[in-house]
Amino acid sequence: MVAVKHQSADAFLAAPDKRILAILVYGTDAGLVSERGRLAAERLAAREKPPGEILRIEDADLENDPDRLSVELMTVPMFGGRKIVRTTASRRVNTQLLKPLVESDLQGCLVVEAGNLKKDDGLRGLFEKSPTAAAIACYADEGAGLDQLIDEVVRAHGLGISTDARQALRARLGADRGMSRSEIEKLALYVGTGTIEAEHVEAIVGDASELAVERVVAAACSGRTARALQELERAVTAGEHPQTVIAAVQRQLQRLHRLRVGLDGGRSFDDLMRANRPPLPPQAQRDLDGQLRAWTLPRLTAALERSAYYSQRSRQTGAPDDLLAERLVLDIAARAAQPRRS
């Protein structure tokens, strides 16, 4: 029985107990959930000799093969170490599906990523009560955790950071690990050499509200409907105007459309990124690459038309802006989630 607290997660993941075969990573910080989910899979794979193979299986993969998750986890590997299956809690990947797997003698290892779960949630209880599983909580970085992230990225770029700059940066970050890392990476690229000063932070790092809208847009354009709606509710509750979200979705669709035109015209993604100004940090590039894989040019054209329709309605009609923003997010996420062949 292992319930890993937020502040103990890094120590736990540094050397997972060999008895642990299944790990649930959950919490309010979607970026940190993803980061720790990836790290958990890598650490579980690395402890095998030879190293295990990491597989990503999501809800869409179970559409035509509902038993794939259990087959991968229950099959004895003929060569190499255990298979490490990484997945996301969803409509199909739920407590009912995972319970017999977690409670059985797994031949592979399982890493599940989820949103915030209450103490009495069935999925959380399943992992916390099993002697061969663990549940890791992931909440927004603050204090020492945020300083550690800042130092990690700044040192990797060979830079220093002033006390004023650190304080300004801490005030703007922390709600999402992925977004925080991306913003610090962007800042480091902007400064280039020397020491990061407060004026650099003011010039390049977005505030918390901007990051909240970015999370809505990223989830919608990646086809993660439940996450997009969750982030939209969180942003609006925090005071963000729904029209801002609608405009941000439009801008991202326009960016994806330009990039898709370039890709379909024969240019490589790396080439398009090198030409982008200001340059995007590695994590932002990976996120953009992932979104592009979900979109064809005709689908992006249709999505832009829909976003323009909702934008016009938000300005010219009496319809509630929050309802329009929700419908747009649902529309875009559904289009992104469609198989590319359609």
Protein backbone atom coordinates (compact mmCIF):
# COMPACT_ATOMS: atom_id res chain seq x y z
CA MET A 1 0.00 0.00 0.00
CA VAL A 2 1.74 3.17 -1.20
CA ALA A 3 0.19 6.64 -1.26
CA VAL A 4 3.01 8.97 -2.28
CA LYS A 5 2.59 12.58 -1.18
CA HIS A 6 3.37 15.44 -3.55
CA GLN A 7 6.61 16.41 -1.77
CA SER A 8 7.85 12.79 -1.67
CA ALA A 9 7.25 11.97 -5.34
CA ASP A 10 10.74 12.77 -6.65
CA ALA A 11 12.41 10.60 -4.02
CA PHE A 12 9.99 7.74 -4.75
CA LEU A 13 10.54 7.93 -8.51
CA ALA A 14 14.33 8.06 -8.13
CA ALA A 15 14.30 4.34 -7.25
CA PRO A 16 10.86 2.66 -7.40
CA ASP A 17 10.51 -0.40 -5.18
CA LYS A 18 10.84 -3.60 -7.24
CA ARG A 19 7.52 -4.81 -5.85
CA ILE A 20 5.70 -1.87 -7.51
CA LEU A 21 4.24 -2.91 -10.88
CA ALA A 22 1.53 -0.24 -11.31
CA ILE A 23 1.69 3.50 -10.70
CA LEU A 24 -1.13 6.06 -10.77
CA VAL A 25 -0.06 9.68 -11.25
CA TYR A 26 -2.85 12.17 -10.53
CA GLY A 27 -3.52 15.74 -9.43
CA THR A 28 -4.45 19.27 -10.40
CA ASP A 29 -1.16 20.01 -12.20
CA ALA A 30 -1.64 18.42 -15.63
CA GLY A 31 1.88 19.25 -16.75
CA LEU A 32 3.43 17.67 -13.67
CA VAL A 33 1.20 14.60 -14.04
CA SER A 34 2.49 14.14 -17.58
CA GLU A 35 6.11 14.78 -16.58
CA ARG A 36 6.01 12.33 -13.69
CA GLY A 37 4.09 9.79 -15.77
CA ARG A 38 6.88 9.85 -18.35
CA LEU A 39 9.54 9.66 -15.62
CA ALA A 40 7.75 6.76 -13.90
CA ALA A 41 7.63 4.79 -17.15
CA GLU A 42 11.31 5.48 -17.83
CA ARG A 43 12.38 4.43 -14.31
CA LEU A 44 10.30 1.24 -14.43
CA ALA A 45 11.82 0.39 -17.81
CA ALA A 46 15.36 1.17 -16.63
CA ARG A 47 15.20 -1.20 -13.67
CA GLU A 48 14.66 -4.14 -16.04
CA LYS A 49 17.62 -6.03 -17.50
CA PRO A 50 17.61 -5.60 -20.42
CA PRO A 51 15.51 -2.38 -20.23
CA GLY A 52 11.79 -2.74 -20.75
CA GLU A 53 9.88 -1.41 -23.76
CA ILE A 54 7.57 1.57 -23.15
CA LEU A 55 4.22 1.51 -24.96
CA ARG A 56 1.60 4.27 -25.06
CA ILE A 57 -1.98 3.01 -25.22
CA GLU A 58 -4.86 5.48 -25.09
CA ASP A 59 -8.64 5.41 -25.23
CA ALA A 60 -8.68 5.63 -29.03
CA ASP A 61 -6.42 2.54 -29.32
CA LEU A 62 -9.07 0.48 -27.53
CA GLU A 63 -11.82 1.38 -30.01
CA ASN A 64 -11.04 -1.55 -32.32
CA ASP A 65 -9.06 -3.63 -29.83
CA PRO A 66 -10.72 -3.42 -26.37
CA ASP A 67 -8.46 -6.11 -24.89
CA ARG A 68 -5.16 -4.62 -25.98
CA LEU A 69 -4.28 -3.15 -22.57
CA SER A 70 -4.75 -6.44 -20.76
CA VAL A 71 -3.00 -8.44 -23.50
CA GLU A 72 0.10 -6.23 -23.33
CA LEU A 73 0.21 -6.34 -19.53
CA MET A 74 -0.54 -10.05 -19.08
CA THR A 75 1.65 -11.50 -21.85
CA VAL A 76 5.04 -12.89 -20.80
CA PRO A 77 7.67 -11.13 -22.94
CA MET A 78 9.69 -13.51 -25.12
CA PHE A 79 12.69 -11.21 -25.26
CA GLY A 80 13.91 -8.37 -23.05
CA GLY A 81 12.40 -6.98 -19.88
CA ARG A 82 8.83 -6.22 -18.94
CA LYS A 83 6.65 -4.07 -21.16
CA ILE A 84 5.84 -0.70 -19.59
CA VAL A 85 2.36 0.46 -20.63
CA ARG A 86 1.61 4.15 -20.18
CA THR A 87 -2.01 5.31 -20.48
CA THR A 88 -4.48 8.01 -19.41
CA ALA A 89 -7.62 7.53 -17.32
CA SER A 90 -10.63 7.99 -19.60
CA ARG A 91 -14.06 6.68 -20.47
CA ARG A 92 -12.63 3.26 -21.30
CA VAL A 93 -9.52 3.28 -19.14
CA ASN A 94 -11.39 3.35 -15.85
CA THR A 95 -11.51 1.59 -12.49
CA GLN A 96 -13.63 -1.25 -13.86
CA LEU A 97 -11.08 -2.03 -16.58
CA LEU A 98 -7.99 -1.60 -14.41
CA LYS A 99 -9.13 -3.35 -11.21
CA PRO A 100 -8.60 -6.96 -12.38
CA LEU A 101 -5.22 -5.98 -13.86
CA VAL A 102 -3.88 -4.19 -10.79
CA GLU A 103 -5.07 -7.02 -8.54
CA SER A 104 -3.51 -9.75 -10.71
CA ASP A 105 0.05 -10.97 -11.28
CA LEU A 106 1.09 -8.48 -13.97
CA GLN A 107 3.72 -9.54 -16.48
CA GLY A 108 4.25 -5.92 -17.48
CA CYS A 109 4.17 -2.60 -15.63
CA LEU A 110 1.38 -0.03 -15.80
CA VAL A 111 1.53 3.77 -15.52
CA VAL A 112 -1.82 5.61 -15.48
CA GLU A 113 -2.16 9.41 -15.63
CA ALA A 114 -5.31 11.10 -14.32
CA GLY A 115 -6.71 14.45 -13.29
CA ASN A 116 -7.49 15.46 -9.73
CA LEU A 117 -9.01 12.58 -7.74
CA LYS A 118 -10.79 12.82 -4.39
CA LYS A 119 -9.75 10.63 -1.48
CA ASP A 120 -12.74 8.35 -1.97
CA ASP A 121 -12.28 7.99 -5.75
CA GLY A 122 -12.31 4.33 -6.77
CA LEU A 123 -9.30 4.59 -9.06
CA ARG A 124 -7.17 6.26 -6.41
CA GLY A 125 -8.25 3.72 -3.79
CA LEU A 126 -7.41 0.83 -6.12
CA PHE A 127 -3.77 1.92 -6.46
CA GLU A 128 -3.32 3.07 -2.87
CA LYS A 129 -4.58 -0.21 -1.38
CA SER A 130 -2.74 -2.64 -3.66
CA PRO A 131 0.57 -4.03 -2.28
CA THR A 132 2.09 -3.88 -5.78
CA ALA A 133 0.85 -0.42 -6.80
CA ALA A 134 1.39 3.22 -5.85
CA ALA A 135 -0.52 6.48 -6.28
CA ILE A 136 1.48 9.70 -6.68
CA ALA A 137 -0.13 13.10 -6.02
CA CYS A 138 0.83 16.04 -8.27
CA TYR A 139 -0.09 19.57 -7.25
CA ALA A 140 1.06 23.01 -8.33
CA ASP A 141 4.71 23.86 -7.73
CA GLU A 142 5.39 26.42 -5.03
CA GLY A 143 8.24 27.41 -2.76
CA ALA A 144 11.20 25.06 -2.92
CA GLY A 145 9.64 22.98 -5.70
CA LEU A 146 9.37 25.97 -8.02
CA ASP A 147 12.88 27.14 -7.15
CA GLN A 148 14.20 23.67 -7.97
CA LEU A 149 12.53 23.78 -11.40
CA ILE A 150 13.90 27.27 -12.10
CA ASP A 151 17.43 26.23 -11.11
CA GLU A 152 17.23 23.06 -13.19
CA VAL A 153 16.34 24.86 -16.42
CA VAL A 154 18.58 27.89 -15.84
CA ARG A 155 21.64 25.73 -15.09
CA ALA A 156 20.99 23.59 -18.16
CA HIS A 157 21.34 26.74 -20.27
CA GLY A 158 24.47 27.90 -18.46
CA LEU A 159 22.79 31.02 -17.11
CA GLY A 160 22.50 32.81 -13.79
CA ILE A 161 19.40 34.44 -12.35
CA SER A 162 19.12 37.48 -10.08
CA THR A 163 17.07 37.51 -6.88
CA ASP A 164 14.60 40.03 -8.34
CA ALA A 165 14.18 37.94 -11.48
CA ARG A 166 13.57 34.80 -9.44
CA GLN A 167 10.88 36.55 -7.38
CA ALA A 168 9.19 37.90 -10.52
CA LEU A 169 9.31 34.47 -12.12
CA ARG A 170 7.89 32.70 -9.09
CA ALA A 171 4.97 35.15 -9.02
CA ARG A 172 4.02 34.20 -12.60
CA LEU A 173 4.49 30.44 -12.52
CA GLY A 174 3.49 27.34 -10.61
CA ALA A 175 -0.02 26.34 -11.72
CA ASP A 176 1.18 23.77 -14.27
CA ARG A 177 4.64 22.13 -14.40
CA GLY A 178 4.63 21.74 -18.19
CA MET A 179 3.68 25.37 -18.76
CA SER A 180 6.15 26.56 -16.11
CA ARG A 181 9.01 24.62 -17.69
CA SER A 182 8.06 25.90 -21.13
CA GLU A 183 8.02 29.53 -19.92
CA ILE A 184 11.42 29.20 -18.21
CA GLU A 185 12.85 27.55 -21.35
CA LYS A 186 11.50 30.42 -23.45
CA LEU A 187 13.02 32.92 -21.04
CA ALA A 188 16.42 31.19 -21.17
CA LEU A 189 16.42 31.21 -24.97
CA TYR A 190 15.49 34.89 -24.96
CA VAL A 191 18.35 35.85 -22.62
CA GLY A 192 20.90 33.58 -24.30
CA THR A 193 23.96 34.29 -22.14
CA GLY A 194 24.77 35.89 -18.80
CA THR A 195 22.23 36.50 -16.05
CA ILE A 196 18.45 36.60 -16.18
CA GLU A 197 17.19 39.91 -14.80
CA ALA A 198 13.73 41.05 -13.74
CA GLU A 199 13.25 43.06 -16.94
CA HIS A 200 13.76 39.88 -18.97
CA VAL A 201 10.99 38.17 -17.03
CA GLU A 202 8.66 41.13 -17.56
CA ALA A 203 9.39 41.12 -21.29
CA ILE A 204 8.95 37.44 -22.09
CA VAL A 205 7.07 35.43 -19.43
CA GLY A 206 3.29 35.31 -19.51
CA ASP A 207 1.25 35.72 -16.36
CA ALA A 208 -0.87 33.03 -14.73
CA SER A 209 -4.04 33.94 -16.64
CA GLU A 210 -2.26 33.61 -19.99
CA LEU A 211 -0.96 30.19 -18.99
CA ALA A 212 -4.46 29.11 -17.94
CA VAL A 213 -5.82 29.98 -21.39
CA GLU A 214 -2.88 28.17 -23.04
CA ARG A 215 -3.84 24.99 -21.18
CA VAL A 216 -7.41 25.20 -22.53
CA VAL A 217 -6.16 25.72 -26.07
CA ALA A 218 -3.54 22.94 -25.89
CA ALA A 219 -6.05 20.39 -24.61
CA ALA A 220 -8.73 21.33 -27.17
CA CYS A 221 -6.34 21.27 -30.14
CA SER A 222 -4.97 17.91 -28.98
CA GLY A 223 -8.41 16.31 -28.87
CA ARG A 224 -8.46 15.88 -25.08
CA THR A 225 -12.09 16.87 -24.56
CA ALA A 226 -12.42 16.17 -20.84
CA ARG A 227 -9.16 17.96 -20.05
CA ALA A 228 -10.13 20.95 -22.23
CA LEU A 229 -13.47 21.37 -20.45
CA GLN A 230 -11.78 21.01 -17.07
CA GLU A 231 -9.21 23.67 -17.92
CA LEU A 232 -11.90 25.95 -19.37
CA GLU A 233 -13.93 25.76 -16.16
CA ARG A 234 -10.80 26.42 -14.11
CA ALA A 235 -9.83 29.46 -16.23
CA VAL A 236 -13.31 31.02 -16.20
CA THR A 237 -13.70 30.40 -12.46
CA ALA A 238 -10.37 32.17 -11.94
CA GLY A 239 -11.77 35.23 -13.72
CA GLU A 240 -10.66 34.73 -17.34
CA HIS A 241 -13.20 36.09 -19.87
CA PRO A 242 -14.59 33.42 -22.24
CA GLN A 243 -14.03 35.73 -25.24
CA THR A 244 -10.30 35.61 -24.46
CA VAL A 245 -10.43 31.82 -24.72
CA ILE A 246 -12.31 31.97 -28.02
CA ALA A 247 -9.72 34.38 -29.45
CA ALA A 248 -6.85 32.19 -28.22
CA VAL A 249 -8.34 29.10 -29.88
CA GLN A 250 -8.63 31.06 -33.12
CA ARG A 251 -4.96 32.14 -32.97
CA GLN A 252 -3.77 28.61 -32.34
CA LEU A 253 -5.83 27.22 -35.23
CA GLN A 254 -4.34 29.89 -37.48
CA ARG A 255 -0.83 28.91 -36.37
CA LEU A 256 -1.56 25.22 -36.95
CA HIS A 257 -3.01 26.04 -40.37
CA ARG A 258 0.16 27.92 -41.41
CA LEU A 259 2.38 25.08 -40.21
CA ARG A 260 0.26 22.42 -41.88
CA VAL A 261 0.49 24.32 -45.17
CA GLY A 262 4.27 24.27 -44.78
CA LEU A 263 4.38 20.57 -43.93
CA ASP A 264 2.09 19.64 -46.81
CA GLY A 265 4.30 21.76 -49.05
CA GLY A 266 7.32 19.59 -48.29
CA ARG A 267 9.04 21.48 -45.45
CA SER A 268 10.07 19.58 -42.32
CA PHE A 269 8.76 20.40 -38.88
CA ASP A 270 12.30 21.17 -37.67
CA ASP A 271 12.78 23.60 -40.54
CA LEU A 272 9.53 25.39 -39.69
CA MET A 273 10.57 25.62 -36.04
CA ARG A 274 13.98 27.09 -36.93
CA ALA A 275 12.20 29.80 -38.91
CA ASN A 276 9.82 30.64 -36.04
CA ARG A 277 10.40 33.96 -34.24
CA PRO A 278 10.69 34.18 -31.32
CA PRO A 279 12.05 30.62 -31.04
CA LEU A 280 9.91 28.15 -29.12
CA PRO A 281 11.38 26.10 -26.25
CA PRO A 282 11.69 22.32 -26.80
CA GLN A 283 8.60 21.41 -24.78
CA ALA A 284 6.44 23.92 -26.67
CA GLN A 285 7.74 22.48 -29.95
CA ARG A 286 6.87 18.95 -28.86
CA ASP A 287 3.37 20.07 -27.85
CA LEU A 288 2.88 21.78 -31.21
CA ASP A 289 4.16 18.74 -33.10
CA GLY A 290 1.68 16.55 -31.20
CA GLN A 291 -1.21 18.85 -32.08
CA LEU A 292 -0.25 18.95 -35.75
CA ARG A 293 -0.43 15.16 -35.98
CA ALA A 294 -4.16 15.38 -35.23
CA TRP A 295 -4.99 17.83 -38.03
CA THR A 296 -5.30 17.73 -41.80
CA LEU A 297 -5.48 20.94 -43.83
CA PRO A 298 -9.19 20.54 -44.75
CA ARG A 299 -10.06 19.85 -41.12
CA LEU A 300 -8.15 22.94 -39.97
CA THR A 301 -9.92 25.06 -42.58
CA ALA A 302 -13.29 23.84 -41.32
CA ALA A 303 -12.25 24.41 -37.69
CA LEU A 304 -11.21 27.98 -38.47
CA GLU A 305 -14.62 28.63 -39.99
CA ARG A 306 -16.29 27.33 -36.84
CA SER A 307 -14.07 29.41 -34.57
CA ALA A 308 -14.90 32.51 -36.64
CA TYR A 309 -18.60 31.70 -36.26
CA TYR A 310 -18.36 31.45 -32.47
CA SER A 311 -16.21 34.57 -32.29
CA GLN A 312 -18.78 36.54 -34.27
CA ARG A 313 -21.65 35.25 -32.13
CA SER A 314 -19.82 36.24 -28.93
CA ARG A 315 -19.56 39.82 -30.21
CA GLN A 316 -22.92 40.28 -31.89
CA THR A 317 -25.54 38.21 -30.04
CA GLY A 318 -26.86 37.95 -26.54
CA ALA A 319 -25.78 34.33 -26.15
CA PRO A 320 -23.77 33.68 -22.93
CA ASP A 321 -20.05 33.90 -23.68
CA ASP A 322 -19.21 30.99 -21.38
CA LEU A 323 -21.63 28.72 -23.25
CA LEU A 324 -20.17 29.78 -26.62
CA ALA A 325 -16.62 29.15 -25.41
CA GLU A 326 -17.63 25.71 -24.14
CA ARG A 327 -19.26 24.80 -27.46
CA LEU A 328 -16.20 25.94 -29.39
CA VAL A 329 -13.86 23.94 -27.15
CA LEU A 330 -16.07 20.86 -27.56
CA ASP A 331 -16.21 21.35 -31.33
CA ILE A 332 -12.44 21.75 -31.75
CA ALA A 333 -11.58 18.88 -29.40
CA ALA A 334 -13.97 16.56 -31.22
CA ARG A 335 -12.44 17.44 -34.58
CA ALA A 336 -8.90 16.91 -33.26
CA ALA A 337 -9.88 13.51 -31.79
CA GLN A 338 -11.19 12.17 -35.12
CA PRO A 339 -8.97 9.57 -36.85
CA ARG A 340 -6.82 11.19 -39.53
CA ARG A 341 -8.22 8.92 -42.25
CA SER A 342 -11.66 10.59 -41.89
